[in-house]
PDB file of N, CA and C in Angstrom:
ATOM      1  N   UNK A   1      77.681 -77.997  16.002  1.00  0.00           N
ATOM      2  CA  UNK A   1      78.305 -77.485  14.760  1.00  0.00           C
ATOM      3  C   UNK A   1      79.770 -77.944  14.753  1.00  0.00           C
ATOM      4  N   UNK A   2      80.177 -78.409  13.576  1.00  0.00           N
ATOM      5  CA  UNK A   2      81.563 -78.825  13.319  1.00  0.00           C
ATOM      6  C   UNK A   2      82.582 -77.779  13.592  1.00  0.00           C
ATOM      7  N   UNK A   3      83.430 -77.959  14.566  1.00  0.00           N
ATOM      8  CA  UNK A   3      84.432 -76.940  14.901  1.00  0.00           C
ATOM      9  C   UNK A   3      85.327 -76.524  13.684  1.00  0.00           C
ATOM     10  N   UNK A   4      85.465 -77.408  12.725  1.00  0.00           N
ATOM     11  CA  UNK A   4      86.209 -77.139  11.563  1.00  0.00           C
ATOM     12  C   UNK A   4      85.495 -76.350  10.532  1.00  0.00           C
ATOM     13  N   UNK A   5      84.200 -76.198  10.657  1.00  0.00           N
ATOM     14  CA  UNK A   5      83.359 -75.459   9.724  1.00  0.00           C
ATOM     15  C   UNK A   5      83.789 -73.909   9.761  1.00  0.00           C
ATOM     16  N   UNK A   6      84.044 -73.325   8.641  1.00  0.00           N
ATOM     17  CA  UNK A   6      84.462 -71.974   8.593  1.00  0.00           C
ATOM     18  C   UNK A   6      83.281 -71.072   8.587  1.00  0.00           C
ATOM     19  N   UNK A   7      83.363 -69.999   9.301  1.00  0.00           N
ATOM     20  CA  UNK A   7      82.335 -68.966   9.336  1.00  0.00           C
ATOM     21  C   UNK A   7      82.576 -67.945   8.189  1.00  0.00           C
ATOM     22  N   UNK A   8      81.536 -67.544   7.668  1.00  0.00           N
ATOM     23  CA  UNK A   8      81.555 -66.607   6.603  1.00  0.00           C
ATOM     24  C   UNK A   8      81.420 -65.171   7.104  1.00  0.00           C
ATOM     25  N   UNK A   9      82.385 -64.663   7.800  1.00  0.00           N
ATOM     26  CA  UNK A   9      82.172 -63.346   8.403  1.00  0.00           C
ATOM     27  C   UNK A   9      82.057 -62.225   7.344  1.00  0.00           C
ATOM     28  N   UNK A  10      82.725 -62.494   6.144  1.00  0.00           N
ATOM     29  CA  UNK A  10      82.590 -61.482   5.120  1.00  0.00           C
ATOM     30  C   UNK A  10      81.161 -61.292   4.573  1.00  0.00           C
ATOM     31  N   UNK A  11      80.272 -62.279   4.915  1.00  0.00           N
ATOM     32  CA  UNK A  11      78.917 -62.134   4.477  1.00  0.00           C
ATOM     33  C   UNK A  11      78.029 -61.465   5.485  1.00  0.00           C
ATOM     34  N   UNK A  12      78.590 -61.078   6.616  1.00  0.00           N
ATOM     35  CA  UNK A  12      77.823 -60.334   7.633  1.00  0.00           C
ATOM     36  C   UNK A  12      77.776 -58.846   7.340  1.00  0.00           C
ATOM     37  N   UNK A  13      76.644 -58.284   7.454  1.00  0.00           N
ATOM     38  CA  UNK A  13      76.478 -56.891   7.224  1.00  0.00           C
ATOM     39  C   UNK A  13      75.800 -56.310   8.471  1.00  0.00           C
ATOM     40  N   UNK A  14      76.230 -55.183   8.979  1.00  0.00           N
ATOM     41  CA  UNK A  14      75.658 -54.594  10.128  1.00  0.00           C
ATOM     42  C   UNK A  14      74.479 -53.695   9.785  1.00  0.00           C
ATOM     43  N   UNK A  15      73.400 -53.875  10.414  1.00  0.00           N
ATOM     44  CA  UNK A  15      72.223 -52.875  10.240  1.00  0.00           C
ATOM     45  C   UNK A  15      71.947 -52.340  11.598  1.00  0.00           C
ATOM     46  N   UNK A  16      71.609 -51.155  11.586  1.00  0.00           N
ATOM     47  CA  UNK A  16      71.325 -50.406  12.829  1.00  0.00           C
ATOM     48  C   UNK A  16      70.364 -49.241  12.639  1.00  0.00           C
ATOM     49  N   UNK A  17      69.705 -48.782  13.757  1.00  0.00           N
ATOM     50  CA  UNK A  17      68.839 -47.684  13.695  1.00  0.00           C
ATOM     51  C   UNK A  17      69.059 -46.872  14.939  1.00  0.00           C
ATOM     52  N   UNK A  18      68.903 -45.586  14.836  1.00  0.00           N
ATOM     53  CA  UNK A  18      69.005 -44.778  16.062  1.00  0.00           C
ATOM     54  C   UNK A  18      67.943 -43.646  15.875  1.00  0.00           C
ATOM     55  N   UNK A  19      67.511 -43.161  16.988  1.00  0.00           N
ATOM     56  CA  UNK A  19      66.458 -42.110  16.920  1.00  0.00           C
ATOM     57  C   UNK A  19      66.589 -41.217  18.136  1.00  0.00           C
ATOM     58  N   UNK A  20      66.003 -40.084  18.098  1.00  0.00           N
ATOM     59  CA  UNK A  20      65.931 -39.193  19.253  1.00  0.00           C
ATOM     60  C   UNK A  20      64.565 -39.500  19.955  1.00  0.00           C
ATOM     61  N   UNK A  21      64.565 -39.448  21.294  1.00  0.00           N
ATOM     62  CA  UNK A  21      63.374 -39.681  22.097  1.00  0.00           C
ATOM     63  C   UNK A  21      63.224 -38.665  23.204  1.00  0.00           C
ATOM     64  N   UNK A  22      61.999 -38.558  23.596  1.00  0.00           N
ATOM     65  CA  UNK A  22      61.789 -37.615  24.766  1.00  0.00           C
ATOM     66  C   UNK A  22      62.155 -38.278  26.064  1.00  0.00           C
ATOM     67  N   UNK A  23      61.949 -37.588  27.185  1.00  0.00           N
ATOM     68  CA  UNK A  23      62.342 -38.127  28.569  1.00  0.00           C
ATOM     69  C   UNK A  23      61.622 -39.399  28.842  1.00  0.00           C
ATOM     70  N   UNK A  24      60.427 -39.593  28.295  1.00  0.00           N
ATOM     71  CA  UNK A  24      59.649 -40.863  28.568  1.00  0.00           C
ATOM     72  C   UNK A  24      60.060 -41.969  27.669  1.00  0.00           C
ATOM     73  N   UNK A  25      60.939 -41.795  26.630  1.00  0.00           N
ATOM     74  CA  UNK A  25      61.339 -42.760  25.715  1.00  0.00           C
ATOM     75  C   UNK A  25      60.536 -42.799  24.446  1.00  0.00           C
ATOM     76  N   UNK A  26      59.611 -41.921  24.308  1.00  0.00           N
ATOM     77  CA  UNK A  26      58.718 -41.873  23.115  1.00  0.00           C
ATOM     78  C   UNK A  26      59.687 -41.334  21.947  1.00  0.00           C
ATOM     79  N   UNK A  27      59.642 -42.023  20.826  1.00  0.00           N
ATOM     80  CA  UNK A  27      60.403 -41.582  19.720  1.00  0.00           C
ATOM     81  C   UNK A  27      60.017 -40.265  19.087  1.00  0.00           C
ATOM     82  N   UNK A  28      60.902 -39.387  18.783  1.00  0.00           N
ATOM     83  CA  UNK A  28      60.601 -38.056  18.233  1.00  0.00           C
ATOM     84  C   UNK A  28      61.040 -38.086  16.841  1.00  0.00           C
ATOM     85  N   UNK A  29      62.321 -38.362  16.615  1.00  0.00           N
ATOM     86  CA  UNK A  29      62.831 -38.346  15.215  1.00  0.00           C
ATOM     87  C   UNK A  29      63.896 -39.317  14.992  1.00  0.00           C
ATOM     88  N   UNK A  30      63.852 -40.012  13.871  1.00  0.00           N
ATOM     89  CA  UNK A  30      64.899 -40.952  13.426  1.00  0.00           C
ATOM     90  C   UNK A  30      65.174 -40.858  11.997  1.00  0.00           C
ATOM     91  N   UNK A  31      65.708 -41.969  11.424  1.00  0.00           N
ATOM     92  CA  UNK A  31      65.949 -41.858  10.049  1.00  0.00           C
ATOM     93  C   UNK A  31      64.766 -41.608   9.152  1.00  0.00           C
ATOM     94  N   UNK A  32      63.632 -42.153   9.475  1.00  0.00           N
ATOM     95  CA  UNK A  32      62.426 -41.995   8.597  1.00  0.00           C
ATOM     96  C   UNK A  32      61.997 -40.550   8.516  1.00  0.00           C
ATOM     97  N   UNK A  33      61.960 -39.872   9.674  1.00  0.00           N
ATOM     98  CA  UNK A  33      61.556 -38.450   9.691  1.00  0.00           C
ATOM     99  C   UNK A  33      62.605 -37.573   9.067  1.00  0.00           C
ATOM    100  N   UNK A  34      63.870 -37.941   9.254  1.00  0.00           N
ATOM    101  CA  UNK A  34      64.919 -37.205   8.586  1.00  0.00           C
ATOM    102  C   UNK A  34      64.893 -37.343   7.095  1.00  0.00           C
ATOM    103  N   UNK A  35      64.547 -38.501   6.612  1.00  0.00           N
ATOM    104  CA  UNK A  35      64.437 -38.683   5.165  1.00  0.00           C
ATOM    105  C   UNK A  35      63.195 -37.929   4.673  1.00  0.00           C
ATOM    106  N   UNK A  36      62.111 -37.908   5.411  1.00  0.00           N
ATOM    107  CA  UNK A  36      60.982 -37.064   4.999  1.00  0.00           C
ATOM    108  C   UNK A  36      61.338 -35.611   4.886  1.00  0.00           C
ATOM    109  N   UNK A  37      62.031 -35.051   5.845  1.00  0.00           N
ATOM    110  CA  UNK A  37      62.426 -33.655   5.833  1.00  0.00           C
ATOM    111  C   UNK A  37      63.346 -33.373   4.606  1.00  0.00           C
ATOM    112  N   UNK A  38      64.285 -34.214   4.316  1.00  0.00           N
ATOM    113  CA  UNK A  38      65.174 -34.093   3.218  1.00  0.00           C
ATOM    114  C   UNK A  38      64.353 -34.177   1.922  1.00  0.00           C
ATOM    115  N   UNK A  39      63.423 -35.065   1.803  1.00  0.00           N
ATOM    116  CA  UNK A  39      62.607 -35.176   0.613  1.00  0.00           C
ATOM    117  C   UNK A  39      61.659 -33.907   0.406  1.00  0.00           C
ATOM    118  N   UNK A  40      61.196 -33.413   1.543  1.00  0.00           N
ATOM    119  CA  UNK A  40      60.455 -32.108   1.418  1.00  0.00           C
ATOM    120  C   UNK A  40      61.315 -31.006   0.880  1.00  0.00           C
ATOM    121  N   UNK A  41      62.549 -30.966   1.368  1.00  0.00           N
ATOM    122  CA  UNK A  41      63.432 -29.880   0.944  1.00  0.00           C
ATOM    123  C   UNK A  41      63.735 -30.103  -0.560  1.00  0.00           C
ATOM    124  N   UNK A  42      63.825 -31.315  -1.014  1.00  0.00           N
ATOM    125  CA  UNK A  42      64.164 -31.603  -2.350  1.00  0.00           C
ATOM    126  C   UNK A  42      62.987 -31.381  -3.290  1.00  0.00           C
ATOM    127  N   UNK A  43      61.875 -31.704  -2.881  1.00  0.00           N
ATOM    128  CA  UNK A  43      60.594 -31.582  -3.778  1.00  0.00           C
ATOM    129  C   UNK A  43      59.856 -30.244  -3.580  1.00  0.00           C
ATOM    130  N   UNK A  44      59.965 -29.616  -2.450  1.00  0.00           N
ATOM    131  CA  UNK A  44      59.233 -28.362  -2.133  1.00  0.00           C
ATOM    132  C   UNK A  44      57.792 -28.690  -1.827  1.00  0.00           C
ATOM    133  N   UNK A  45      57.545 -29.963  -1.465  1.00  0.00           N
ATOM    134  CA  UNK A  45      56.084 -30.304  -1.225  1.00  0.00           C
ATOM    135  C   UNK A  45      56.002 -31.475  -0.262  1.00  0.00           C
ATOM    136  N   UNK A  46      55.158 -31.287   0.714  1.00  0.00           N
ATOM    137  CA  UNK A  46      54.930 -32.446   1.591  1.00  0.00           C
ATOM    138  C   UNK A  46      54.245 -33.561   0.860  1.00  0.00           C
ATOM    139  N   UNK A  47      53.295 -33.169   0.058  1.00  0.00           N
ATOM    140  CA  UNK A  47      52.522 -34.240  -0.787  1.00  0.00           C
ATOM    141  C   UNK A  47      53.459 -35.024  -1.665  1.00  0.00           C
ATOM    142  N   UNK A  48      54.358 -34.227  -2.400  1.00  0.00           N
ATOM    143  CA  UNK A  48      55.218 -34.902  -3.312  1.00  0.00           C
ATOM    144  C   UNK A  48      56.252 -35.805  -2.567  1.00  0.00           C
ATOM    145  N   UNK A  49      56.695 -35.294  -1.340  1.00  0.00           N
ATOM    146  CA  UNK A  49      57.670 -36.050  -0.585  1.00  0.00           C
ATOM    147  C   UNK A  49      57.011 -37.443  -0.129  1.00  0.00           C
ATOM    148  N   UNK A  50      55.787 -37.346   0.400  1.00  0.00           N
ATOM    149  CA  UNK A  50      55.106 -38.511   0.830  1.00  0.00           C
ATOM    150  C   UNK A  50      54.809 -39.529  -0.366  1.00  0.00           C
ATOM    151  N   UNK A  51      54.550 -39.032  -1.492  1.00  0.00           N
ATOM    152  CA  UNK A  51      54.259 -39.818  -2.649  1.00  0.00           C
ATOM    153  C   UNK A  51      55.619 -40.536  -3.062  1.00  0.00           C
ATOM    154  N   UNK A  52      56.627 -39.814  -3.102  1.00  0.00           N
ATOM    155  CA  UNK A  52      57.958 -40.266  -3.507  1.00  0.00           C
ATOM    156  C   UNK A  52      58.440 -41.401  -2.522  1.00  0.00           C
ATOM    157  N   UNK A  53      58.157 -41.293  -1.241  1.00  0.00           N
ATOM    158  CA  UNK A  53      58.596 -42.244  -0.218  1.00  0.00           C
ATOM    159  C   UNK A  53      57.556 -43.318   0.049  1.00  0.00           C
ATOM    160  N   UNK A  54      56.414 -43.268  -0.657  1.00  0.00           N
ATOM    161  CA  UNK A  54      55.388 -44.274  -0.478  1.00  0.00           C
ATOM    162  C   UNK A  54      54.781 -44.306   0.912  1.00  0.00           C
ATOM    163  N   UNK A  55      54.622 -43.189   1.511  1.00  0.00           N
ATOM    164  CA  UNK A  55      53.975 -43.104   2.851  1.00  0.00           C
ATOM    165  C   UNK A  55      52.786 -42.176   2.861  1.00  0.00           C
ATOM    166  N   UNK A  56      51.974 -42.309   3.850  1.00  0.00           N
ATOM    167  CA  UNK A  56      50.742 -41.472   3.850  1.00  0.00           C
ATOM    168  C   UNK A  56      50.907 -40.098   4.285  1.00  0.00           C
ATOM    169  N   UNK A  57      50.217 -39.243   3.657  1.00  0.00           N
ATOM    170  CA  UNK A  57      50.307 -37.751   3.911  1.00  0.00           C
ATOM    171  C   UNK A  57      49.822 -37.511   5.330  1.00  0.00           C
ATOM    172  N   UNK A  58      48.632 -38.071   5.692  1.00  0.00           N
ATOM    173  CA  UNK A  58      47.975 -37.797   6.948  1.00  0.00           C
ATOM    174  C   UNK A  58      48.870 -38.186   8.140  1.00  0.00           C
ATOM    175  N   UNK A  59      49.464 -39.420   8.082  1.00  0.00           N
ATOM    176  CA  UNK A  59      50.284 -39.879   9.214  1.00  0.00           C
ATOM    177  C   UNK A  59      51.584 -38.967   9.258  1.00  0.00           C
ATOM    178  N   UNK A  60      52.115 -38.735   8.132  1.00  0.00           N
ATOM    179  CA  UNK A  60      53.335 -37.890   8.105  1.00  0.00           C
ATOM    180  C   UNK A  60      53.084 -36.469   8.680  1.00  0.00           C
ATOM    181  N   UNK A  61      51.948 -35.929   8.226  1.00  0.00           N
ATOM    182  CA  UNK A  61      51.567 -34.602   8.841  1.00  0.00           C
ATOM    183  C   UNK A  61      51.472 -34.637  10.275  1.00  0.00           C
ATOM    184  N   UNK A  62      50.831 -35.613  10.845  1.00  0.00           N
ATOM    185  CA  UNK A  62      50.714 -35.880  12.268  1.00  0.00           C
ATOM    186  C   UNK A  62      52.070 -36.062  12.926  1.00  0.00           C
ATOM    187  N   UNK A  63      52.924 -36.836  12.309  1.00  0.00           N
ATOM    188  CA  UNK A  63      54.264 -37.093  12.869  1.00  0.00           C
ATOM    189  C   UNK A  63      55.079 -35.765  12.983  1.00  0.00           C
ATOM    190  N   UNK A  64      54.994 -34.975  11.958  1.00  0.00           N
ATOM    191  CA  UNK A  64      55.692 -33.752  11.843  1.00  0.00           C
ATOM    192  C   UNK A  64      55.183 -32.748  12.968  1.00  0.00           C
ATOM    193  N   UNK A  65      53.876 -32.779  13.110  1.00  0.00           N
ATOM    194  CA  UNK A  65      53.324 -31.872  14.132  1.00  0.00           C
ATOM    195  C   UNK A  65      53.757 -32.359  15.565  1.00  0.00           C
ATOM    196  N   UNK A  66      53.955 -33.602  15.799  1.00  0.00           N
ATOM    197  CA  UNK A  66      54.444 -34.059  17.102  1.00  0.00           C
ATOM    198  C   UNK A  66      55.822 -33.602  17.308  1.00  0.00           C
ATOM    199  N   UNK A  67      56.659 -33.719  16.267  1.00  0.00           N
ATOM    200  CA  UNK A  67      58.067 -33.221  16.336  1.00  0.00           C
ATOM    201  C   UNK A  67      58.051 -31.793  16.717  1.00  0.00           C
ATOM    202  N   UNK A  68      57.225 -30.945  15.985  1.00  0.00           N
ATOM    203  CA  UNK A  68      57.201 -29.505  16.232  1.00  0.00           C
ATOM    204  C   UNK A  68      56.860 -29.204  17.693  1.00  0.00           C
ATOM    205  N   UNK A  69      55.867 -29.919  18.175  1.00  0.00           N
ATOM    206  CA  UNK A  69      55.361 -29.709  19.570  1.00  0.00           C
ATOM    207  C   UNK A  69      56.480 -30.086  20.574  1.00  0.00           C
ATOM    208  N   UNK A  70      57.133 -31.174  20.383  1.00  0.00           N
ATOM    209  CA  UNK A  70      58.252 -31.553  21.185  1.00  0.00           C
ATOM    210  C   UNK A  70      59.448 -30.648  21.207  1.00  0.00           C
ATOM    211  N   UNK A  71      59.822 -30.314  19.980  1.00  0.00           N
ATOM    212  CA  UNK A  71      61.012 -29.421  19.879  1.00  0.00           C
ATOM    213  C   UNK A  71      60.752 -27.937  20.091  1.00  0.00           C
ATOM    214  N   UNK A  72      59.497 -27.531  19.915  1.00  0.00           N
ATOM    215  CA  UNK A  72      59.140 -26.152  20.228  1.00  0.00           C
ATOM    216  C   UNK A  72      59.327 -25.210  19.031  1.00  0.00           C
ATOM    217  N   UNK A  73      59.455 -25.748  17.852  1.00  0.00           N
ATOM    218  CA  UNK A  73      59.565 -24.852  16.689  1.00  0.00           C
ATOM    219  C   UNK A  73      58.889 -25.495  15.441  1.00  0.00           C
ATOM    220  N   UNK A  74      58.542 -24.698  14.499  1.00  0.00           N
ATOM    221  CA  UNK A  74      57.924 -25.145  13.282  1.00  0.00           C
ATOM    222  C   UNK A  74      58.959 -25.756  12.343  1.00  0.00           C
ATOM    223  N   UNK A  75      58.581 -26.889  11.615  1.00  0.00           N
ATOM    224  CA  UNK A  75      59.429 -27.465  10.668  1.00  0.00           C
ATOM    225  C   UNK A  75      59.193 -26.965   9.326  1.00  0.00           C
ATOM    226  N   UNK A  76      57.860 -26.691   9.013  1.00  0.00           N
ATOM    227  CA  UNK A  76      57.507 -26.344   7.608  1.00  0.00           C
ATOM    228  C   UNK A  76      56.865 -24.996   7.559  1.00  0.00           C
ATOM    229  N   UNK A  77      57.177 -24.340   6.383  1.00  0.00           N
ATOM    230  CA  UNK A  77      56.484 -23.087   6.079  1.00  0.00           C
ATOM    231  C   UNK A  77      55.634 -23.430   4.857  1.00  0.00           C
ATOM    232  N   UNK A  78      54.279 -23.328   4.968  1.00  0.00           N
ATOM    233  CA  UNK A  78      53.441 -23.832   3.929  1.00  0.00           C
ATOM    234  C   UNK A  78      52.652 -22.713   3.311  1.00  0.00           C
ATOM    235  N   UNK A  79      52.431 -22.845   2.021  1.00  0.00           N
ATOM    236  CA  UNK A  79      51.505 -22.053   1.323  1.00  0.00           C
ATOM    237  C   UNK A  79      50.430 -22.918   0.647  1.00  0.00           C
ATOM    238  N   UNK A  80      49.192 -22.496   0.743  1.00  0.00           N
ATOM    239  CA  UNK A  80      48.089 -23.271   0.340  1.00  0.00           C
ATOM    240  C   UNK A  80      48.117 -23.345  -1.187  1.00  0.00           C
ATOM    241  N   UNK A  81      47.470 -24.451  -1.632  1.00  0.00           N
ATOM    242  CA  UNK A  81      47.374 -24.631  -3.103  1.00  0.00           C
ATOM    243  C   UNK A  81      46.501 -23.640  -3.799  1.00  0.00           C
ATOM    244  N   UNK A  82      46.572 -23.591  -5.015  1.00  0.00           N
ATOM    245  CA  UNK A  82      45.774 -22.689  -5.831  1.00  0.00           C
ATOM    246  C   UNK A  82      45.957 -23.198  -7.249  1.00  0.00           C
ATOM    247  N   UNK A  83      45.844 -22.266  -8.171  1.00  0.00           N
ATOM    248  CA  UNK A  83      45.988 -22.715  -9.562  1.00  0.00           C
ATOM    249  C   UNK A  83      47.400 -23.244  -9.852  1.00  0.00           C
ATOM    250  N   UNK A  84      48.457 -22.772  -9.103  1.00  0.00           N
ATOM    251  CA  UNK A  84      49.813 -23.226  -9.288  1.00  0.00           C
ATOM    252  C   UNK A  84      50.147 -24.259  -8.224  1.00  0.00           C
ATOM    253  N   UNK A  85      49.288 -24.637  -7.336  1.00  0.00           N
ATOM    254  CA  UNK A  85      49.553 -25.603  -6.292  1.00  0.00           C
ATOM    255  C   UNK A  85      50.227 -25.055  -5.091  1.00  0.00           C
ATOM    256  N   UNK A  86      50.176 -25.836  -4.001  1.00  0.00           N
ATOM    257  CA  UNK A  86      50.805 -25.336  -2.784  1.00  0.00           C
ATOM    258  C   UNK A  86      52.285 -25.645  -2.720  1.00  0.00           C
ATOM    259  N   UNK A  87      52.885 -25.206  -1.592  1.00  0.00           N
ATOM    260  CA  UNK A  87      54.301 -25.508  -1.463  1.00  0.00           C
ATOM    261  C   UNK A  87      54.558 -25.721   0.025  1.00  0.00           C
ATOM    262  N   UNK A  88      55.553 -26.481   0.322  1.00  0.00           N
ATOM    263  CA  UNK A  88      56.030 -26.706   1.720  1.00  0.00           C
ATOM    264  C   UNK A  88      57.588 -26.565   1.659  1.00  0.00           C
ATOM    265  N   UNK A  89      58.108 -25.686   2.396  1.00  0.00           N
ATOM    266  CA  UNK A  89      59.574 -25.509   2.504  1.00  0.00           C
ATOM    267  C   UNK A  89      59.948 -25.585   4.032  1.00  0.00           C
ATOM    268  N   UNK A  90      61.115 -26.110   4.202  1.00  0.00           N
ATOM    269  CA  UNK A  90      61.668 -26.175   5.605  1.00  0.00           C
ATOM    270  C   UNK A  90      62.019 -24.867   6.132  1.00  0.00           C
ATOM    271  N   UNK A  91      61.651 -24.651   7.435  1.00  0.00           N
ATOM    272  CA  UNK A  91      62.033 -23.487   8.136  1.00  0.00           C
ATOM    273  C   UNK A  91      63.573 -23.539   8.315  1.00  0.00           C
ATOM    274  N   UNK A  92      64.057 -22.346   8.709  1.00  0.00           N
ATOM    275  CA  UNK A  92      65.607 -22.333   9.029  1.00  0.00           C
ATOM    276  C   UNK A  92      65.937 -23.314  10.088  1.00  0.00           C
ATOM    277  N   UNK A  93      65.110 -23.470  11.106  1.00  0.00           N
ATOM    278  CA  UNK A  93      65.353 -24.367  12.201  1.00  0.00           C
ATOM    279  C   UNK A  93      65.302 -25.799  11.695  1.00  0.00           C
ATOM    280  N   UNK A  94      64.394 -26.129  10.841  1.00  0.00           N
ATOM    281  CA  UNK A  94      64.270 -27.447  10.301  1.00  0.00           C
ATOM    282  C   UNK A  94      65.488 -27.789   9.428  1.00  0.00           C
ATOM    283  N   UNK A  95      65.926 -26.744   8.699  1.00  0.00           N
ATOM    284  CA  UNK A  95      67.148 -26.976   7.862  1.00  0.00           C
ATOM    285  C   UNK A  95      68.376 -27.285   8.730  1.00  0.00           C
ATOM    286  N   UNK A  96      68.493 -26.519   9.851  1.00  0.00           N
ATOM    287  CA  UNK A  96      69.617 -26.783  10.809  1.00  0.00           C
ATOM    288  C   UNK A  96      69.507 -28.199  11.398  1.00  0.00           C
ATOM    289  N   UNK A  97      68.229 -28.634  11.731  1.00  0.00           N
ATOM    290  CA  UNK A  97      67.988 -29.940  12.282  1.00  0.00           C
ATOM    291  C   UNK A  97      68.462 -31.085  11.290  1.00  0.00           C
ATOM    292  N   UNK A  98      68.165 -30.859  10.027  1.00  0.00           N
ATOM    293  CA  UNK A  98      68.567 -31.832   9.006  1.00  0.00           C
ATOM    294  C   UNK A  98      69.998 -31.874   8.770  1.00  0.00           C
ATOM    295  N   UNK A  99      70.601 -30.734   8.780  1.00  0.00           N
ATOM    296  CA  UNK A  99      72.141 -30.740   8.669  1.00  0.00           C
ATOM    297  C   UNK A  99      72.783 -31.348   9.930  1.00  0.00           C
ATOM    298  N   UNK A 100      72.312 -31.066  11.057  1.00  0.00           N
ATOM    299  CA  UNK A 100      72.925 -31.639  12.313  1.00  0.00           C
ATOM    300  C   UNK A 100      72.693 -33.117  12.259  1.00  0.00           C
ATOM    301  N   UNK A 101      71.487 -33.581  11.800  1.00  0.00           N
ATOM    302  CA  UNK A 101      71.371 -35.040  11.696  1.00  0.00           C
ATOM    303  C   UNK A 101      72.158 -35.771  10.635  1.00  0.00           C
ATOM    304  N   UNK A 102      72.394 -35.033   9.523  1.00  0.00           N
ATOM    305  CA  UNK A 102      73.359 -35.471   8.558  1.00  0.00           C
ATOM    306  C   UNK A 102      74.767 -35.619   9.072  1.00  0.00           C
ATOM    307  N   UNK A 103      75.234 -34.634   9.827  1.00  0.00           N
ATOM    308  CA  UNK A 103      76.564 -34.620  10.395  1.00  0.00           C
ATOM    309  C   UNK A 103      76.643 -35.722  11.489  1.00  0.00           C
ATOM    310  N   UNK A 104      75.593 -35.885  12.283  1.00  0.00           N
ATOM    311  CA  UNK A 104      75.553 -36.939  13.313  1.00  0.00           C
ATOM    312  C   UNK A 104      75.672 -38.292  12.678  1.00  0.00           C
ATOM    313  N   UNK A 105      74.895 -38.519  11.659  1.00  0.00           N
ATOM    314  CA  UNK A 105      74.981 -39.769  10.833  1.00  0.00           C
ATOM    315  C   UNK A 105      76.406 -40.062  10.419  1.00  0.00           C
ATOM    316  N   UNK A 106      77.080 -39.057   9.747  1.00  0.00           N
ATOM    317  CA  UNK A 106      78.412 -39.284   9.261  1.00  0.00           C
ATOM    318  C   UNK A 106      79.366 -39.671  10.431  1.00  0.00           C
ATOM    319  N   UNK A 107      79.287 -38.929  11.526  1.00  0.00           N
ATOM    320  CA  UNK A 107      80.152 -39.285  12.698  1.00  0.00           C
ATOM    321  C   UNK A 107      79.874 -40.696  13.251  1.00  0.00           C
ATOM    322  N   UNK A 108      78.630 -40.978  13.443  1.00  0.00           N
ATOM    323  CA  UNK A 108      78.262 -42.236  14.108  1.00  0.00           C
ATOM    324  C   UNK A 108      78.638 -43.392  13.088  1.00  0.00           C
ATOM    325  N   UNK A 109      78.443 -43.152  11.799  1.00  0.00           N
ATOM    326  CA  UNK A 109      78.761 -44.341  10.841  1.00  0.00           C
ATOM    327  C   UNK A 109      80.277 -44.617  10.874  1.00  0.00           C
ATOM    328  N   UNK A 110      81.061 -43.662  11.010  1.00  0.00           N
ATOM    329  CA  UNK A 110      82.491 -43.902  11.101  1.00  0.00           C
ATOM    330  C   UNK A 110      82.847 -44.760  12.397  1.00  0.00           C
ATOM    331  N   UNK A 111      82.258 -44.310  13.487  1.00  0.00           N
ATOM    332  CA  UNK A 111      82.469 -45.071  14.740  1.00  0.00           C
ATOM    333  C   UNK A 111      81.908 -46.523  14.664  1.00  0.00           C
ATOM    334  N   UNK A 112      80.748 -46.612  14.133  1.00  0.00           N
ATOM    335  CA  UNK A 112      80.159 -47.902  14.007  1.00  0.00           C
ATOM    336  C   UNK A 112      80.926 -48.841  13.140  1.00  0.00           C
ATOM    337  N   UNK A 113      81.501 -48.292  12.017  1.00  0.00           N
ATOM    338  CA  UNK A 113      82.333 -49.176  11.139  1.00  0.00           C
ATOM    339  C   UNK A 113      83.585 -49.625  11.843  1.00  0.00           C
ATOM    340  N   UNK A 114      84.214 -48.709  12.673  1.00  0.00           N
ATOM    341  CA  UNK A 114      85.395 -49.133  13.435  1.00  0.00           C
ATOM    342  C   UNK A 114      85.045 -50.178  14.397  1.00  0.00           C
ATOM    343  N   UNK A 115      83.974 -50.072  15.124  1.00  0.00           N
ATOM    344  CA  UNK A 115      83.552 -51.070  16.081  1.00  0.00           C
ATOM    345  C   UNK A 115      83.117 -52.366  15.478  1.00  0.00           C
ATOM    346  N   UNK A 116      82.454 -52.292  14.309  1.00  0.00           N
ATOM    347  CA  UNK A 116      81.987 -53.511  13.520  1.00  0.00           C
ATOM    348  C   UNK A 116      83.283 -54.213  13.103  1.00  0.00           C
ATOM    349  N   UNK A 117      84.216 -53.616  12.528  1.00  0.00           N
ATOM    350  CA  UNK A 117      85.441 -54.169  12.049  1.00  0.00           C
ATOM    351  C   UNK A 117      86.137 -54.870  13.143  1.00  0.00           C
ATOM    352  N   UNK A 118      86.190 -54.188  14.357  1.00  0.00           N
ATOM    353  CA  UNK A 118      86.924 -54.760  15.548  1.00  0.00           C
ATOM    354  C   UNK A 118      86.094 -55.994  16.022  1.00  0.00           C
ATOM    355  N   UNK A 119      84.788 -55.971  15.974  1.00  0.00           N
ATOM    356  CA  UNK A 119      83.983 -57.167  16.220  1.00  0.00           C
ATOM    357  C   UNK A 119      84.344 -58.346  15.379  1.00  0.00           C
ATOM    358  N   UNK A 120      84.376 -58.094  14.053  1.00  0.00           N
ATOM    359  CA  UNK A 120      84.716 -59.175  13.093  1.00  0.00           C
ATOM    360  C   UNK A 120      86.061 -59.722  13.375  1.00  0.00           C
ATOM    361  N   UNK A 121      87.067 -58.810  13.586  1.00  0.00           N
ATOM    362  CA  UNK A 121      88.373 -59.340  13.889  1.00  0.00           C
ATOM    363  C   UNK A 121      88.516 -60.159  15.255  1.00  0.00           C
ATOM    364  N   UNK A 122      87.777 -59.633  16.205  1.00  0.00           N
ATOM    365  CA  UNK A 122      87.889 -60.351  17.474  1.00  0.00           C
ATOM    366  C   UNK A 122      87.100 -61.661  17.513  1.00  0.00           C
ATOM    367  N   UNK A 123      86.027 -61.787  16.620  1.00  0.00           N
ATOM    368  CA  UNK A 123      85.219 -62.961  16.704  1.00  0.00           C
ATOM    369  C   UNK A 123      85.648 -64.057  15.728  1.00  0.00           C
ATOM    370  N   UNK A 124      86.577 -63.741  14.811  1.00  0.00           N
ATOM    371  CA  UNK A 124      87.011 -64.801  13.847  1.00  0.00           C
ATOM    372  C   UNK A 124      87.686 -65.962  14.639  1.00  0.00           C
ATOM    373  N   UNK A 125      87.374 -67.097  14.262  1.00  0.00           N
ATOM    374  CA  UNK A 125      87.893 -68.313  14.942  1.00  0.00           C
ATOM    375  C   UNK A 125      89.058 -68.913  14.100  1.00  0.00           C
TER     376      UNK A 125
END
């Protein structure tokens, strides 16, 4: 590469993912499950949430059950459908989990931005 060639650092964008895992390293919850829970809270329905996010109901149901088993508490309070349809709402513990994950995201994003800005500054030639 030509040493005089300029690098376009302003065109770099940082992408990252983080998730919670169990002792064995199996993923429990990350951004995807967090978004599902937020969408359930918004729509009042697991079915509506999965449709809005373009994901399968069956897999999502299984994923949520795994989270419940690992964390030891229910995430959803469900009522069966009928003439007015069913409903899924977040339990109080699930609401606390979503809020905690929201706050965690905000804190981490600030730290990541500072670290990324330092990386760009340090690596400019």
